[in-house]
């Protein structure tokens, strides 16, 4: 029994990738993406960080794209590595620029997302994904 639990079987890795994709994707959508999407379409003046001089509206739109659209693709396991690039970039900006001088407590959430996204980028979407289903020959 112990040998089975401690083995490096591919089903465990694939299940782990599925759980990580779903957890990170859904929490990003519901806790971060949808509130920003509501702000984007609220009709009020947009007050959002503008670290690259693109304007608050453009910056918010790019973050909404990453946090909503790319997170949906992540949950589905569709174009996983490609969809992770905007998410990794967004969390990198959050950690190192937006919350860079605020300390670890302010950076915590973005760091957790960033590390999870990097793991998924390196490991791939796993067997239980639309990527795998569509690319199967």
N, C-alpha and C. Protein backbone atom coordinates (compact mmCIF):
# COMPACT_ATOMS: atom_id res chain seq x y z
N UNK A 1 0.83 -1.19 0.00
CA UNK A 1 0.00 0.00 0.00
C UNK A 1 0.87 1.25 0.00
N UNK A 2 1.89 1.27 0.88
CA UNK A 2 2.77 2.43 0.97
C UNK A 2 3.49 2.65 -0.36
N UNK A 3 3.90 1.56 -1.00
CA UNK A 3 4.61 1.67 -2.27
C UNK A 3 3.71 2.29 -3.34
N UNK A 4 2.43 1.93 -3.34
CA UNK A 4 1.49 2.50 -4.30
C UNK A 4 1.30 3.99 -4.07
N UNK A 5 1.16 4.40 -2.83
CA UNK A 5 0.93 5.80 -2.51
C UNK A 5 2.15 6.66 -2.82
N UNK A 6 3.34 6.11 -2.68
CA UNK A 6 4.56 6.88 -2.87
C UNK A 6 5.13 6.75 -4.28
N UNK A 7 4.49 5.97 -5.14
CA UNK A 7 5.03 5.79 -6.49
C UNK A 7 4.79 7.03 -7.34
N UNK A 8 5.55 7.12 -8.40
CA UNK A 8 5.47 8.28 -9.30
C UNK A 8 4.66 7.88 -10.54
N UNK A 9 3.45 7.42 -10.34
CA UNK A 9 2.59 6.96 -11.44
C UNK A 9 2.05 8.15 -12.20
N UNK A 10 1.91 7.97 -13.50
CA UNK A 10 1.45 9.07 -14.34
C UNK A 10 0.01 9.48 -14.02
N UNK A 11 -0.83 8.55 -13.54
CA UNK A 11 -2.20 8.93 -13.22
C UNK A 11 -2.23 9.97 -12.11
N UNK A 12 -1.32 9.84 -11.15
CA UNK A 12 -1.25 10.81 -10.06
C UNK A 12 -0.79 12.17 -10.54
N UNK A 13 0.18 12.18 -11.42
CA UNK A 13 0.67 13.45 -11.97
C UNK A 13 -0.42 14.10 -12.80
N UNK A 14 -1.09 13.31 -13.64
CA UNK A 14 -2.15 13.85 -14.49
C UNK A 14 -3.33 14.36 -13.67
N UNK A 15 -3.69 13.64 -12.62
CA UNK A 15 -4.76 14.09 -11.74
C UNK A 15 -4.35 15.38 -11.01
N UNK A 16 -3.09 15.45 -10.60
CA UNK A 16 -2.58 16.66 -9.94
C UNK A 16 -2.64 17.86 -10.87
N UNK A 17 -2.28 17.67 -12.12
CA UNK A 17 -2.34 18.77 -13.09
C UNK A 17 -3.79 19.23 -13.30
N UNK A 18 -4.71 18.28 -13.36
CA UNK A 18 -6.13 18.61 -13.50
C UNK A 18 -6.61 19.42 -12.30
N UNK A 19 -6.30 18.96 -11.10
CA UNK A 19 -6.73 19.66 -9.89
C UNK A 19 -6.12 21.05 -9.80
N UNK A 20 -4.86 21.17 -10.17
CA UNK A 20 -4.20 22.47 -10.14
C UNK A 20 -4.80 23.42 -11.17
N UNK A 21 -5.05 22.92 -12.38
CA UNK A 21 -5.67 23.75 -13.43
C UNK A 21 -7.04 24.25 -13.01
N UNK A 22 -7.86 23.35 -12.49
CA UNK A 22 -9.23 23.71 -12.11
C UNK A 22 -9.22 24.68 -10.93
N UNK A 23 -8.42 24.39 -9.92
CA UNK A 23 -8.39 25.24 -8.72
C UNK A 23 -7.87 26.64 -9.04
N UNK A 24 -6.73 26.72 -9.71
CA UNK A 24 -6.18 28.03 -10.04
C UNK A 24 -7.08 28.79 -11.00
N UNK A 25 -7.59 28.09 -12.00
CA UNK A 25 -8.44 28.74 -12.99
C UNK A 25 -9.73 29.28 -12.41
N UNK A 26 -10.46 28.46 -11.68
CA UNK A 26 -11.75 28.90 -11.14
C UNK A 26 -11.60 29.97 -10.06
N UNK A 27 -10.59 29.83 -9.20
CA UNK A 27 -10.42 30.87 -8.18
C UNK A 27 -10.00 32.19 -8.82
N UNK A 28 -9.16 32.13 -9.86
CA UNK A 28 -8.77 33.36 -10.55
C UNK A 28 -9.99 34.02 -11.20
N UNK A 29 -10.81 33.22 -11.86
CA UNK A 29 -12.01 33.77 -12.51
C UNK A 29 -12.92 34.43 -11.50
N UNK A 30 -13.31 33.69 -10.46
CA UNK A 30 -14.34 34.18 -9.55
C UNK A 30 -13.85 35.21 -8.54
N UNK A 31 -12.63 35.08 -8.06
CA UNK A 31 -12.15 36.01 -7.04
C UNK A 31 -11.50 37.27 -7.63
N UNK A 32 -10.96 37.16 -8.84
CA UNK A 32 -10.21 38.29 -9.39
C UNK A 32 -10.74 38.76 -10.74
N UNK A 33 -10.97 37.85 -11.67
CA UNK A 33 -11.35 38.20 -13.02
C UNK A 33 -12.73 38.82 -13.16
N UNK A 34 -13.74 38.15 -12.61
CA UNK A 34 -15.11 38.67 -12.74
C UNK A 34 -15.31 40.03 -12.07
N UNK A 35 -14.75 40.26 -10.89
CA UNK A 35 -14.87 41.61 -10.33
C UNK A 35 -14.23 42.68 -11.22
N UNK A 36 -13.10 42.36 -11.84
CA UNK A 36 -12.47 43.32 -12.75
C UNK A 36 -13.29 43.48 -14.03
N UNK A 37 -13.90 42.40 -14.50
CA UNK A 37 -14.77 42.46 -15.68
C UNK A 37 -15.96 43.38 -15.39
N UNK A 38 -16.54 43.26 -14.20
CA UNK A 38 -17.64 44.14 -13.80
C UNK A 38 -17.20 45.60 -13.75
N UNK A 39 -16.01 45.83 -13.25
CA UNK A 39 -15.47 47.19 -13.22
C UNK A 39 -15.29 47.73 -14.64
N UNK A 40 -14.81 46.89 -15.53
CA UNK A 40 -14.57 47.29 -16.92
C UNK A 40 -15.85 47.76 -17.60
N UNK A 41 -16.97 47.08 -17.32
CA UNK A 41 -18.23 47.39 -17.97
C UNK A 41 -19.21 48.17 -17.07
N UNK A 42 -18.71 48.72 -15.97
CA UNK A 42 -19.59 49.41 -15.03
C UNK A 42 -20.02 50.79 -15.52
N UNK A 43 -19.29 51.36 -16.43
CA UNK A 43 -19.61 52.69 -16.91
C UNK A 43 -19.04 53.80 -16.05
N UNK A 44 -18.37 53.44 -14.97
CA UNK A 44 -17.74 54.44 -14.11
C UNK A 44 -16.31 54.68 -14.59
N UNK A 45 -15.71 55.72 -14.05
CA UNK A 45 -14.33 56.01 -14.40
C UNK A 45 -13.43 54.87 -13.92
N UNK A 46 -12.55 54.43 -14.82
CA UNK A 46 -11.65 53.31 -14.51
C UNK A 46 -10.45 53.84 -13.72
N UNK A 47 -10.26 53.29 -12.54
CA UNK A 47 -9.08 53.58 -11.73
C UNK A 47 -8.35 52.25 -11.57
N UNK A 48 -7.29 52.10 -12.34
CA UNK A 48 -6.56 50.83 -12.34
C UNK A 48 -5.08 51.13 -12.56
N UNK A 49 -4.23 50.27 -12.04
CA UNK A 49 -2.79 50.45 -12.20
C UNK A 49 -2.41 50.50 -13.68
N UNK A 50 -1.43 51.32 -13.99
CA UNK A 50 -1.01 51.52 -15.36
C UNK A 50 0.53 51.44 -15.42
N UNK A 51 1.10 50.27 -15.14
CA UNK A 51 2.55 50.18 -14.98
C UNK A 51 3.35 50.38 -16.27
N UNK A 52 2.73 50.23 -17.43
CA UNK A 52 3.47 50.34 -18.68
C UNK A 52 3.04 51.53 -19.53
N UNK A 53 2.23 52.42 -18.97
CA UNK A 53 1.83 53.62 -19.67
C UNK A 53 0.83 53.40 -20.80
N UNK A 54 0.10 52.32 -20.76
CA UNK A 54 -0.90 52.02 -21.80
C UNK A 54 -2.23 52.70 -21.54
N UNK A 55 -2.43 53.16 -20.34
CA UNK A 55 -3.70 53.72 -19.91
C UNK A 55 -4.42 52.73 -19.01
N UNK A 56 -5.22 53.27 -18.10
CA UNK A 56 -5.92 52.42 -17.13
C UNK A 56 -6.89 51.46 -17.82
N UNK A 57 -7.62 51.95 -18.84
CA UNK A 57 -8.59 51.11 -19.54
C UNK A 57 -7.91 49.95 -20.27
N UNK A 58 -6.83 50.23 -20.97
CA UNK A 58 -6.10 49.18 -21.70
C UNK A 58 -5.48 48.19 -20.72
N UNK A 59 -4.89 48.68 -19.64
CA UNK A 59 -4.28 47.79 -18.65
C UNK A 59 -5.33 46.88 -18.03
N UNK A 60 -6.47 47.45 -17.66
CA UNK A 60 -7.54 46.64 -17.08
C UNK A 60 -8.07 45.62 -18.09
N UNK A 61 -8.21 46.02 -19.33
CA UNK A 61 -8.70 45.10 -20.37
C UNK A 61 -7.75 43.92 -20.55
N UNK A 62 -6.45 44.18 -20.55
CA UNK A 62 -5.48 43.10 -20.70
C UNK A 62 -5.50 42.15 -19.50
N UNK A 63 -5.66 42.71 -18.32
CA UNK A 63 -5.74 41.87 -17.11
C UNK A 63 -7.03 41.05 -17.12
N UNK A 64 -8.13 41.63 -17.55
CA UNK A 64 -9.40 40.89 -17.65
C UNK A 64 -9.26 39.75 -18.66
N UNK A 65 -8.61 40.01 -19.79
CA UNK A 65 -8.36 38.96 -20.77
C UNK A 65 -7.61 37.80 -20.13
N UNK A 66 -6.54 38.12 -19.41
CA UNK A 66 -5.74 37.07 -18.77
C UNK A 66 -6.54 36.35 -17.70
N UNK A 67 -7.17 37.10 -16.80
CA UNK A 67 -7.80 36.50 -15.63
C UNK A 67 -9.13 35.80 -15.94
N UNK A 68 -9.80 36.17 -17.01
CA UNK A 68 -11.07 35.52 -17.35
C UNK A 68 -10.90 34.56 -18.53
N UNK A 69 -10.54 35.08 -19.69
CA UNK A 69 -10.47 34.25 -20.90
C UNK A 69 -9.39 33.18 -20.77
N UNK A 70 -8.19 33.59 -20.38
CA UNK A 70 -7.10 32.61 -20.26
C UNK A 70 -7.36 31.61 -19.14
N UNK A 71 -8.02 32.05 -18.08
CA UNK A 71 -8.35 31.12 -16.99
C UNK A 71 -9.40 30.09 -17.42
N UNK A 72 -10.36 30.50 -18.25
CA UNK A 72 -11.33 29.54 -18.78
C UNK A 72 -10.60 28.49 -19.63
N UNK A 73 -9.69 28.94 -20.48
CA UNK A 73 -8.89 28.01 -21.29
C UNK A 73 -8.07 27.08 -20.40
N UNK A 74 -7.54 27.62 -19.31
CA UNK A 74 -6.76 26.81 -18.37
C UNK A 74 -7.62 25.72 -17.74
N UNK A 75 -8.81 26.07 -17.29
CA UNK A 75 -9.70 25.08 -16.67
C UNK A 75 -10.02 23.96 -17.66
N UNK A 76 -10.26 24.34 -18.90
CA UNK A 76 -10.58 23.34 -19.94
C UNK A 76 -9.36 22.55 -20.38
N UNK A 77 -8.19 23.08 -20.12
CA UNK A 77 -6.98 22.43 -20.61
C UNK A 77 -6.84 22.61 -22.11
N UNK A 78 -7.25 23.76 -22.60
CA UNK A 78 -7.21 24.05 -24.04
C UNK A 78 -6.18 25.14 -24.29
N UNK A 79 -5.23 24.87 -25.16
CA UNK A 79 -4.13 25.81 -25.43
C UNK A 79 -3.47 26.21 -24.11
N UNK A 80 -3.24 25.24 -23.28
CA UNK A 80 -2.84 25.48 -21.90
C UNK A 80 -1.58 26.33 -21.78
N UNK A 81 -0.51 25.90 -22.40
CA UNK A 81 0.75 26.65 -22.23
C UNK A 81 0.63 28.05 -22.81
N UNK A 82 -0.05 28.19 -23.92
CA UNK A 82 -0.25 29.51 -24.52
C UNK A 82 -1.10 30.40 -23.61
N UNK A 83 -2.15 29.84 -23.04
CA UNK A 83 -3.00 30.63 -22.15
C UNK A 83 -2.30 30.98 -20.84
N UNK A 84 -1.30 30.22 -20.47
CA UNK A 84 -0.57 30.51 -19.24
C UNK A 84 0.36 31.71 -19.37
N UNK A 85 0.80 32.01 -20.58
CA UNK A 85 1.74 33.13 -20.76
C UNK A 85 1.17 34.46 -20.26
N UNK A 86 -0.06 34.86 -20.65
CA UNK A 86 -0.59 36.11 -20.09
C UNK A 86 -0.82 36.04 -18.58
N UNK A 87 -1.18 34.87 -18.07
CA UNK A 87 -1.39 34.72 -16.63
C UNK A 87 -0.08 34.85 -15.87
N UNK A 88 0.97 34.23 -16.38
CA UNK A 88 2.29 34.34 -15.75
C UNK A 88 2.77 35.79 -15.78
N UNK A 89 2.61 36.44 -16.91
CA UNK A 89 3.02 37.83 -17.04
C UNK A 89 2.24 38.71 -16.06
N UNK A 90 0.92 38.52 -16.01
CA UNK A 90 0.08 39.32 -15.12
C UNK A 90 0.46 39.14 -13.66
N UNK A 91 0.69 37.90 -13.24
CA UNK A 91 1.07 37.65 -11.85
C UNK A 91 2.48 38.15 -11.57
N UNK A 92 3.37 38.07 -12.55
CA UNK A 92 4.71 38.63 -12.39
C UNK A 92 4.66 40.13 -12.16
N UNK A 93 3.82 40.81 -12.93
CA UNK A 93 3.65 42.26 -12.76
C UNK A 93 3.05 42.55 -11.38
N UNK A 94 2.08 41.76 -10.97
CA UNK A 94 1.46 41.95 -9.66
C UNK A 94 2.48 41.79 -8.52
N UNK A 95 3.31 40.75 -8.62
CA UNK A 95 4.28 40.47 -7.56
C UNK A 95 5.39 41.51 -7.54
N UNK A 96 5.99 41.76 -8.70
CA UNK A 96 7.23 42.55 -8.72
C UNK A 96 7.03 44.04 -8.96
N UNK A 97 5.90 44.45 -9.54
CA UNK A 97 5.70 45.87 -9.82
C UNK A 97 4.59 46.45 -8.95
N UNK A 98 3.37 45.90 -9.07
CA UNK A 98 2.22 46.48 -8.36
C UNK A 98 2.39 46.36 -6.85
N UNK A 99 2.76 45.18 -6.36
CA UNK A 99 2.90 44.96 -4.91
C UNK A 99 4.36 44.80 -4.50
N UNK A 100 5.28 45.18 -5.36
CA UNK A 100 6.71 44.97 -5.13
C UNK A 100 7.25 45.54 -3.84
N UNK A 101 6.82 46.71 -3.47
CA UNK A 101 7.34 47.34 -2.27
C UNK A 101 6.46 47.18 -1.05
N UNK A 102 5.42 46.39 -1.17
CA UNK A 102 4.44 46.29 -0.08
C UNK A 102 4.68 45.15 0.89
N UNK A 103 5.59 44.27 0.57
CA UNK A 103 5.88 43.16 1.47
C UNK A 103 5.16 41.88 1.07
N UNK A 104 5.60 40.82 1.68
CA UNK A 104 5.14 39.47 1.33
C UNK A 104 3.64 39.28 1.53
N UNK A 105 3.08 39.87 2.56
CA UNK A 105 1.65 39.68 2.82
C UNK A 105 0.80 40.19 1.65
N UNK A 106 1.17 41.29 1.06
CA UNK A 106 0.45 41.82 -0.09
C UNK A 106 0.72 41.03 -1.36
N UNK A 107 1.87 40.39 -1.44
CA UNK A 107 2.27 39.64 -2.62
C UNK A 107 1.82 38.18 -2.58
N UNK A 108 1.40 37.71 -1.43
CA UNK A 108 1.15 36.28 -1.21
C UNK A 108 0.27 35.64 -2.28
N UNK A 109 -0.88 36.18 -2.53
CA UNK A 109 -1.82 35.59 -3.48
C UNK A 109 -1.21 35.51 -4.87
N UNK A 110 -0.61 36.60 -5.32
CA UNK A 110 -0.01 36.62 -6.66
C UNK A 110 1.15 35.64 -6.76
N UNK A 111 1.93 35.49 -5.68
CA UNK A 111 3.05 34.53 -5.69
C UNK A 111 2.53 33.10 -5.83
N UNK A 112 1.47 32.78 -5.10
CA UNK A 112 0.90 31.43 -5.17
C UNK A 112 0.40 31.14 -6.58
N UNK A 113 -0.33 32.08 -7.17
CA UNK A 113 -0.79 31.91 -8.54
C UNK A 113 0.40 31.78 -9.49
N UNK A 114 1.39 32.65 -9.35
CA UNK A 114 2.54 32.64 -10.24
C UNK A 114 3.27 31.29 -10.20
N UNK A 115 3.52 30.78 -9.02
CA UNK A 115 4.22 29.49 -8.90
C UNK A 115 3.37 28.36 -9.47
N UNK A 116 2.08 28.37 -9.20
CA UNK A 116 1.19 27.35 -9.78
C UNK A 116 1.18 27.40 -11.29
N UNK A 117 1.13 28.61 -11.85
CA UNK A 117 1.14 28.76 -13.31
C UNK A 117 2.47 28.30 -13.89
N UNK A 118 3.56 28.58 -13.21
CA UNK A 118 4.87 28.13 -13.70
C UNK A 118 4.97 26.60 -13.69
N UNK A 119 4.45 25.98 -12.65
CA UNK A 119 4.43 24.52 -12.58
C UNK A 119 3.63 23.95 -13.75
N UNK A 120 2.45 24.49 -13.99
CA UNK A 120 1.63 24.02 -15.10
C UNK A 120 2.29 24.27 -16.45
N UNK A 121 2.96 25.40 -16.58
CA UNK A 121 3.65 25.70 -17.84
C UNK A 121 4.76 24.68 -18.09
N UNK A 122 5.51 24.35 -17.05
CA UNK A 122 6.61 23.40 -17.19
C UNK A 122 6.11 21.97 -17.38
N UNK A 123 5.06 21.61 -16.67
CA UNK A 123 4.56 20.23 -16.69
C UNK A 123 3.60 19.98 -17.84
N UNK A 124 2.83 20.98 -18.24
CA UNK A 124 1.82 20.81 -19.28
C UNK A 124 0.46 20.53 -18.66
N UNK A 125 -0.53 20.44 -19.51
CA UNK A 125 -1.92 20.31 -19.04
C UNK A 125 -2.26 18.93 -18.49
N UNK A 126 -1.51 17.94 -18.88
CA UNK A 126 -1.78 16.58 -18.41
C UNK A 126 -2.74 15.84 -19.31
N UNK A 127 -2.96 14.60 -18.96
CA UNK A 127 -3.79 13.69 -19.76
C UNK A 127 -5.27 14.11 -19.78
N UNK A 128 -5.74 14.68 -18.68
CA UNK A 128 -7.15 15.03 -18.56
C UNK A 128 -7.38 16.47 -18.99
N UNK A 129 -7.24 16.70 -20.28
CA UNK A 129 -7.36 18.05 -20.83
C UNK A 129 -7.87 17.99 -22.27
N UNK A 130 -8.41 19.09 -22.74
CA UNK A 130 -8.82 19.16 -24.14
C UNK A 130 -7.61 19.15 -25.06
N UNK A 131 -6.49 19.70 -24.60
CA UNK A 131 -5.26 19.63 -25.40
C UNK A 131 -4.96 18.18 -25.76
N UNK A 132 -4.98 17.33 -24.77
CA UNK A 132 -4.65 15.91 -24.98
C UNK A 132 -5.69 15.23 -25.87
N UNK A 133 -6.96 15.54 -25.65
CA UNK A 133 -8.03 14.95 -26.42
C UNK A 133 -7.94 15.35 -27.89
N UNK A 134 -7.67 16.63 -28.15
CA UNK A 134 -7.61 17.13 -29.52
C UNK A 134 -6.33 16.74 -30.24
N UNK A 135 -5.25 16.56 -29.50
CA UNK A 135 -3.96 16.22 -30.11
C UNK A 135 -3.73 14.72 -30.21
N UNK A 136 -4.64 13.93 -29.65
CA UNK A 136 -4.49 12.48 -29.71
C UNK A 136 -4.62 12.02 -31.15
N UNK A 137 -3.74 11.12 -31.54
CA UNK A 137 -3.77 10.64 -32.93
C UNK A 137 -4.36 9.25 -33.00
